[in-house]
Amino acid sequence: MNRRTFLATSMAASAAVLLSACGFRLRGAGSMPSLPPLALEGDTNSDLGRQLASRLEQLGTRLGDSGQWRVTLGSPRLDERRLGGEVRGSRDHELTLSTTLSVQRREDNAYLLNGETLSTSTRIRINDNDLLNREDLFSEAEQSLNRELTQRIIERLSALDNAS
């Protein structure tokens, strides 16, 4: 092992030790706190609703009609906005997926969240002349937005659990 390799390796190891010692954690790393049992209501048949229910069950959250919290999911809305374009037919599109979320505690019917709007967005570049690829790109972007919004909803619910 030469000197440069040794120095680079030792510096990387030192940085890792220092970052872990100060409590640094990557976002999304580690386990999410367990949520109380939830009753998921509203638009649960949409892709977002099904993905949210699946992800909550993967995290160990019980879903049923008698949950401690009544979580009402609004209908997701996908908005497309065309942002400028080039002469060759390529154009940037901004896709925004948003939904409303209400959380009501069953024991006293108090709203922890009342119709809060959560959203996420992405930008994609699409060639308007390539119709086959266009639909695939939109579909992939929508799936990605569903995953991101699901994660955002779960993070919001876990923040409520920590606050109450």
Foldseek 3Di string as FASTA:
>chain_A
DDDVVVVVVVVVVVVVVVCVVVPDDDPPPDAFDQFWAEEEEAPLVDPLNVVLVVVNVVSPHHYDPPTQKYKHKYDKDKDKDWDDDDPQQKTKIKIKIKIFIWIAGPVVRDTPGDGDMDMDMDMDIDRPVPVVVVVVVVVVRVVVRSVVRSVVVSVVSSVSVVVD
